[in-house]
Structures are given as C-alpha cells and as structure tokens.
Amino acid sequence: MTVEPLSQKDVEDRLRELPGWSSDGVLLRRTYTFAGHAPAAALVLHISVTQEELGHHAEITLGYNKVDIAVNTHSVGGKVTGLDIELARRIEAVASGHGARG
C-alpha cells in the first residue's frame, strides 16, 4: 500500500472525528488519564496489539496514571498519513473500555 502525507487541512478535517487528538503539523498527539497504573498499562498493551496488526507504531509514554501517544509516518519524512489517523481511530475506539479519561 502506498502511503502519502496528508495536507494540514486533511489532518484538521479528520481530527474533527477524533476529540482530544491534536496535531502540531508533524505529529498526532493524545494524552489519556486513568484512575491508576494498571488500566493505563492495559491500554498500552492493547495499543501494542493494534500496532502489530497495522504494522504501524506510535511513540507511547506510560506514566503512573497517564498514557501519552505521538505518531507520524517515518517512511514519508515524518508526516501525518492515513495510517496515523487509522491508528488514532483504533486507539480511541478501545480507550474508554480501559477507563481512559480526557
């Protein structure tokens, strides 16, 4: 599959469907908070399985009760692509099931 960078307008349009996600023009970003460490770690594990399915990986930072995610596509010069949007959608779809908050 050919992966092409999205325009900033395309990124902004697609982010309207992903509340809490943002872009600084280079990366898609999202921070989730949790009641404690175990649910935060469980989300990271769930994301890791999703990333393997997609063959596309984000930078994830796990704190005590927080998960920070940053993603772009290195193979197109560190730009945001449809792969990044798809990963964000999949993460968003499972995050609340792990007790994630804004």
N, C-alpha and C. Protein backbone atom coordinates (compact mmCIF):
# COMPACT_ATOMS: atom_id res chain seq x y z
N MET A 1 0.83 -1.18 0.00
CA MET A 1 0.00 0.00 0.00
C MET A 1 0.88 1.24 0.00
N THR A 2 0.57 2.18 -0.89
CA THR A 2 1.29 3.44 -0.94
C THR A 2 0.74 4.37 0.12
N VAL A 3 1.64 4.96 0.88
CA VAL A 3 1.26 5.89 1.95
C VAL A 3 1.72 7.27 1.55
N GLU A 4 0.80 8.21 1.54
CA GLU A 4 1.09 9.60 1.17
C GLU A 4 0.80 10.53 2.34
N PRO A 5 1.61 11.57 2.50
CA PRO A 5 1.33 12.55 3.56
C PRO A 5 -0.01 13.25 3.30
N LEU A 6 -0.71 13.57 4.38
CA LEU A 6 -1.95 14.33 4.29
C LEU A 6 -1.63 15.81 4.37
N SER A 7 -2.44 16.63 3.71
CA SER A 7 -2.29 18.07 3.86
C SER A 7 -2.74 18.47 5.27
N GLN A 8 -2.31 19.63 5.72
CA GLN A 8 -2.71 20.10 7.04
C GLN A 8 -4.24 20.21 7.12
N LYS A 9 -4.88 20.63 6.05
CA LYS A 9 -6.35 20.72 6.04
C LYS A 9 -6.97 19.34 6.18
N ASP A 10 -6.44 18.34 5.48
CA ASP A 10 -6.95 16.97 5.60
C ASP A 10 -6.80 16.47 7.03
N VAL A 11 -5.65 16.74 7.64
CA VAL A 11 -5.43 16.33 9.03
C VAL A 11 -6.46 17.00 9.94
N GLU A 12 -6.63 18.30 9.79
CA GLU A 12 -7.59 19.03 10.62
C GLU A 12 -9.01 18.50 10.42
N ASP A 13 -9.40 18.22 9.18
CA ASP A 13 -10.73 17.68 8.90
C ASP A 13 -10.92 16.33 9.58
N ARG A 14 -9.94 15.48 9.49
CA ARG A 14 -10.05 14.14 10.09
C ARG A 14 -10.01 14.18 11.61
N LEU A 15 -9.31 15.14 12.17
CA LEU A 15 -9.25 15.25 13.62
C LEU A 15 -10.58 15.67 14.23
N ARG A 16 -11.47 16.24 13.42
CA ARG A 16 -12.81 16.59 13.93
C ARG A 16 -13.55 15.34 14.41
N GLU A 17 -13.19 14.19 13.86
CA GLU A 17 -13.80 12.92 14.25
C GLU A 17 -13.08 12.27 15.43
N LEU A 18 -12.01 12.91 15.92
CA LEU A 18 -11.20 12.33 16.99
C LEU A 18 -11.01 13.34 18.12
N PRO A 19 -12.06 13.57 18.92
CA PRO A 19 -11.94 14.54 20.01
C PRO A 19 -10.78 14.20 20.93
N GLY A 20 -10.05 15.22 21.34
CA GLY A 20 -8.91 15.01 22.24
C GLY A 20 -7.59 14.83 21.51
N TRP A 21 -7.64 14.49 20.24
CA TRP A 21 -6.43 14.35 19.43
C TRP A 21 -6.10 15.71 18.84
N SER A 22 -4.81 15.98 18.68
CA SER A 22 -4.37 17.23 18.09
C SER A 22 -3.17 16.96 17.19
N SER A 23 -2.83 17.97 16.40
CA SER A 23 -1.65 17.88 15.55
C SER A 23 -0.89 19.19 15.62
N ASP A 24 0.42 19.07 15.71
CA ASP A 24 1.27 20.26 15.67
C ASP A 24 1.85 20.46 14.27
N GLY A 25 1.27 19.77 13.30
CA GLY A 25 1.76 19.85 11.93
C GLY A 25 2.74 18.74 11.59
N VAL A 26 3.26 18.07 12.60
CA VAL A 26 4.23 16.99 12.41
C VAL A 26 3.74 15.68 13.02
N LEU A 27 3.11 15.76 14.17
CA LEU A 27 2.67 14.57 14.91
C LEU A 27 1.20 14.68 15.27
N LEU A 28 0.54 13.52 15.35
CA LEU A 28 -0.76 13.44 16.02
C LEU A 28 -0.45 13.13 17.47
N ARG A 29 -1.20 13.76 18.39
CA ARG A 29 -0.94 13.57 19.82
C ARG A 29 -2.24 13.40 20.59
N ARG A 30 -2.12 12.63 21.69
CA ARG A 30 -3.26 12.44 22.59
C ARG A 30 -2.71 12.02 23.93
N THR A 31 -3.31 12.53 25.00
CA THR A 31 -2.99 12.08 26.36
C THR A 31 -4.26 11.56 27.00
N TYR A 32 -4.17 10.39 27.59
CA TYR A 32 -5.27 9.81 28.36
C TYR A 32 -4.85 9.73 29.81
N THR A 33 -5.79 9.92 30.72
CA THR A 33 -5.54 9.72 32.15
C THR A 33 -6.44 8.61 32.66
N PHE A 34 -6.04 8.01 33.78
CA PHE A 34 -6.72 6.84 34.33
C PHE A 34 -6.79 6.95 35.85
N ALA A 35 -7.57 6.09 36.46
CA ALA A 35 -7.69 6.05 37.91
C ALA A 35 -6.43 5.51 38.57
N GLY A 36 -5.61 4.79 37.85
CA GLY A 36 -4.38 4.21 38.40
C GLY A 36 -3.49 3.66 37.31
N HIS A 37 -2.45 2.96 37.73
CA HIS A 37 -1.45 2.47 36.79
C HIS A 37 -1.91 1.26 35.97
N ALA A 38 -2.59 0.31 36.58
CA ALA A 38 -2.96 -0.91 35.86
C ALA A 38 -3.82 -0.65 34.62
N PRO A 39 -4.86 0.20 34.71
CA PRO A 39 -5.63 0.44 33.49
C PRO A 39 -4.83 1.18 32.41
N ALA A 40 -3.93 2.05 32.83
CA ALA A 40 -3.07 2.74 31.86
C ALA A 40 -2.17 1.73 31.15
N ALA A 41 -1.58 0.82 31.90
CA ALA A 41 -0.72 -0.20 31.31
C ALA A 41 -1.51 -1.14 30.41
N ALA A 42 -2.75 -1.44 30.80
CA ALA A 42 -3.59 -2.31 29.97
C ALA A 42 -3.87 -1.66 28.62
N LEU A 43 -4.10 -0.35 28.61
CA LEU A 43 -4.32 0.33 27.32
C LEU A 43 -3.06 0.24 26.46
N VAL A 44 -1.90 0.42 27.05
CA VAL A 44 -0.65 0.33 26.28
C VAL A 44 -0.52 -1.06 25.65
N LEU A 45 -0.84 -2.09 26.40
CA LEU A 45 -0.78 -3.45 25.86
C LEU A 45 -1.76 -3.61 24.70
N HIS A 46 -2.97 -3.10 24.88
CA HIS A 46 -3.97 -3.18 23.82
C HIS A 46 -3.50 -2.44 22.57
N ILE A 47 -2.93 -1.26 22.75
CA ILE A 47 -2.40 -0.49 21.62
C ILE A 47 -1.29 -1.26 20.92
N SER A 48 -0.45 -1.94 21.68
CA SER A 48 0.67 -2.67 21.06
C SER A 48 0.17 -3.76 20.12
N VAL A 49 -0.92 -4.42 20.49
CA VAL A 49 -1.51 -5.44 19.62
C VAL A 49 -2.06 -4.79 18.36
N THR A 50 -2.75 -3.68 18.52
CA THR A 50 -3.30 -2.95 17.36
C THR A 50 -2.19 -2.49 16.43
N GLN A 51 -1.11 -2.00 16.99
CA GLN A 51 0.02 -1.54 16.17
C GLN A 51 0.61 -2.69 15.36
N GLU A 52 0.72 -3.85 15.96
CA GLU A 52 1.24 -5.01 15.22
C GLU A 52 0.31 -5.38 14.09
N GLU A 53 -1.01 -5.31 14.32
CA GLU A 53 -1.98 -5.61 13.27
C GLU A 53 -1.83 -4.65 12.09
N LEU A 54 -1.61 -3.37 12.39
CA LEU A 54 -1.48 -2.37 11.34
C LEU A 54 -0.08 -2.32 10.73
N GLY A 55 0.90 -2.83 11.45
CA GLY A 55 2.29 -2.69 11.02
C GLY A 55 2.73 -1.24 11.09
N HIS A 56 2.19 -0.52 12.06
CA HIS A 56 2.46 0.92 12.21
C HIS A 56 2.49 1.24 13.70
N HIS A 57 3.51 1.96 14.14
CA HIS A 57 3.74 2.12 15.57
C HIS A 57 3.87 3.58 15.99
N ALA A 58 3.34 3.86 17.16
CA ALA A 58 3.40 5.20 17.75
C ALA A 58 4.47 5.23 18.83
N GLU A 59 4.84 6.43 19.23
CA GLU A 59 5.65 6.62 20.43
C GLU A 59 4.68 6.70 21.59
N ILE A 60 4.83 5.82 22.56
CA ILE A 60 3.91 5.77 23.70
C ILE A 60 4.72 5.93 24.97
N THR A 61 4.25 6.83 25.84
CA THR A 61 4.87 7.03 27.14
C THR A 61 3.86 6.66 28.21
N LEU A 62 4.22 5.70 29.05
CA LEU A 62 3.37 5.24 30.14
C LEU A 62 3.84 5.86 31.45
N GLY A 63 2.96 6.59 32.10
CA GLY A 63 3.23 7.11 33.43
C GLY A 63 2.40 6.35 34.44
N TYR A 64 2.37 6.83 35.67
CA TYR A 64 1.59 6.14 36.71
C TYR A 64 0.13 6.01 36.29
N ASN A 65 -0.49 7.12 35.93
CA ASN A 65 -1.91 7.08 35.56
C ASN A 65 -2.15 7.85 34.26
N LYS A 66 -1.17 7.83 33.38
CA LYS A 66 -1.26 8.61 32.15
C LYS A 66 -0.57 7.88 31.00
N VAL A 67 -1.15 8.01 29.82
CA VAL A 67 -0.55 7.48 28.60
C VAL A 67 -0.51 8.62 27.59
N ASP A 68 0.70 8.92 27.10
CA ASP A 68 0.89 9.92 26.05
C ASP A 68 1.21 9.19 24.76
N ILE A 69 0.55 9.62 23.69
CA ILE A 69 0.75 9.00 22.38
C ILE A 69 1.14 10.08 21.38
N ALA A 70 2.14 9.79 20.57
CA ALA A 70 2.56 10.67 19.48
C ALA A 70 2.86 9.78 18.28
N VAL A 71 2.32 10.15 17.12
CA VAL A 71 2.51 9.29 15.95
C VAL A 71 2.59 10.11 14.67
N ASN A 72 3.48 9.67 13.79
CA ASN A 72 3.53 10.12 12.41
C ASN A 72 4.15 8.98 11.61
N THR A 73 4.35 9.19 10.32
CA THR A 73 4.85 8.12 9.46
C THR A 73 6.27 8.46 9.02
N HIS A 74 7.22 7.72 9.55
CA HIS A 74 8.63 7.98 9.27
C HIS A 74 9.00 7.77 7.80
N SER A 75 8.33 6.81 7.16
CA SER A 75 8.71 6.46 5.78
C SER A 75 8.38 7.56 4.77
N VAL A 76 7.61 8.57 5.18
CA VAL A 76 7.32 9.71 4.29
C VAL A 76 7.87 11.00 4.89
N GLY A 77 8.94 10.87 5.63
CA GLY A 77 9.61 12.05 6.16
C GLY A 77 9.01 12.61 7.44
N GLY A 78 8.35 11.76 8.21
CA GLY A 78 7.80 12.22 9.47
C GLY A 78 6.56 13.08 9.31
N LYS A 79 5.74 12.74 8.36
CA LYS A 79 4.48 13.46 8.11
C LYS A 79 3.30 12.62 8.61
N VAL A 80 2.15 13.27 8.76
CA VAL A 80 0.93 12.56 9.14
C VAL A 80 0.28 11.97 7.89
N THR A 81 -0.09 10.69 8.00
CA THR A 81 -0.73 9.98 6.89
C THR A 81 -2.03 9.33 7.37
N GLY A 82 -2.71 8.70 6.44
CA GLY A 82 -3.91 7.95 6.78
C GLY A 82 -3.64 6.83 7.77
N LEU A 83 -2.45 6.25 7.75
CA LEU A 83 -2.09 5.22 8.74
C LEU A 83 -2.15 5.77 10.16
N ASP A 84 -1.69 6.99 10.33
CA ASP A 84 -1.70 7.61 11.65
C ASP A 84 -3.13 7.86 12.11
N ILE A 85 -3.97 8.33 11.19
CA ILE A 85 -5.37 8.56 11.51
C ILE A 85 -6.05 7.25 11.88
N GLU A 86 -5.79 6.20 11.12
CA GLU A 86 -6.39 4.89 11.41
C GLU A 86 -5.95 4.37 12.78
N LEU A 87 -4.67 4.50 13.10
CA LEU A 87 -4.21 4.07 14.41
C LEU A 87 -4.90 4.88 15.50
N ALA A 88 -5.01 6.18 15.33
CA ALA A 88 -5.69 7.03 16.31
C ALA A 88 -7.14 6.59 16.48
N ARG A 89 -7.82 6.30 15.39
CA ARG A 89 -9.22 5.84 15.46
C ARG A 89 -9.33 4.54 16.27
N ARG A 90 -8.43 3.63 15.99
CA ARG A 90 -8.48 2.34 16.71
C ARG A 90 -8.17 2.51 18.19
N ILE A 91 -7.23 3.38 18.50
CA ILE A 91 -6.92 3.65 19.91
C ILE A 91 -8.13 4.27 20.59
N GLU A 92 -8.71 5.25 19.95
CA GLU A 92 -9.87 5.95 20.51
C GLU A 92 -11.02 4.97 20.76
N ALA A 93 -11.19 4.01 19.87
CA ALA A 93 -12.27 3.04 19.98
C ALA A 93 -12.15 2.13 21.21
N VAL A 94 -10.94 1.91 21.69
CA VAL A 94 -10.75 0.99 22.83
C VAL A 94 -10.40 1.70 24.14
N ALA A 95 -10.02 2.96 24.07
CA ALA A 95 -9.51 3.66 25.26
C ALA A 95 -10.54 3.73 26.38
N SER A 96 -11.78 4.06 26.06
CA SER A 96 -12.78 4.20 27.12
C SER A 96 -13.04 2.88 27.83
N GLY A 97 -12.88 1.77 27.12
CA GLY A 97 -13.04 0.47 27.73
C GLY A 97 -12.00 0.16 28.79
N HIS A 98 -10.92 0.91 28.78
CA HIS A 98 -9.86 0.77 29.79
C HIS A 98 -9.98 1.85 30.87
N GLY A 99 -11.05 2.63 30.81
CA GLY A 99 -11.28 3.67 31.81
C GLY A 99 -10.58 4.97 31.52
N ALA A 100 -10.18 5.18 30.27
CA ALA A 100 -9.46 6.41 29.90
C ALA A 100 -10.38 7.62 30.04
N ARG A 101 -9.77 8.70 30.50
CA ARG A 101 -10.45 9.99 30.57
C ARG A 101 -9.63 10.98 29.77
N GLY A 102 -10.32 12.03 29.27
CA GLY A 102 -9.72 13.11 28.51
C GLY A 102 -8.29 13.21 28.61
